[in-house]
Amino acid sequence: MSESVPPLEGIKVAELAIKLRKYFDTVYGAHIFLAIGTVIASYWMIIFATATVFSLYESLTFWLGALILMWVLIPFSIRLVPYPSPIKTASIVKKLSAWVLPFIILYTASISLILSKDPLLTDMGKTLNMGGAGWYLAVTLGLLLNHFVRERQAYNKGQILAKPFLISGVFMLATSPAVYYFGHLDIGAGNILAVGLTLLGYGIAAFISIRKAYRWLQGE
């Protein structure tokens, strides 16, 4: 005959299960955050190399095609490697809107300005999208929007232990002037710096999240 588990022991087991779930959700989320970020950054490195070799930096069609292809790459990455439970409960539309909307708004504005017949507006559009500055700012806005739309709620409810979207978003916002500066000096250098800082921001966010989860599990 099997022995029954004492009520107190049952409570401890349940508490441990909840604690482990929160820990693994945070750690898993940090790893996936870094993995998907790496995929996207690698994609843009390939795009920049292609633009350099074939002299496509001035081709509006090329960049529009690259952006459209990225819209396909993002949801594919999300579906291929699902997020942990606190974020997975959101609809796919809500997930994508927080990422894609800043891109659509920013690039539509910059392209509209570039295509304008007014020389001043054309120069403004080129300045906005110079040397990686445009997409870097769009990624930054997407990260911060993700935080305020979903991540903050999950964190306040105690479902996750860290805020990687906020950490990386703030880091990229703080470093955006450097991307603009490098982009005005050299388009290629601006794009390379933007990709490097993006990966660095994702890495910092992931490492902080994993460390916070570990220290929380240890009771520190």
Foldseek 3Di string as FASTA:
>chain_A
DDDDDDPVVVVVVVVVVLLVQQLCLLLLQLVLLLVLLVVLLVLVVVLLVVCVVVVCPVPPVSVVVSLVVVLVVVVVSCVVRPHRDQPNPDDPVVLSCLQCVLVCVQLVCLVVQCPDPDPVSNVVSCLCPFQNLRVLVSRLSSLVSCCVPGVVVCVVVVSYQARLSVQLSVQSVVCSVVLSVLRVVPSSRSNVVSSVSSSVSSVVSSVVSNVRSVCVVVVD
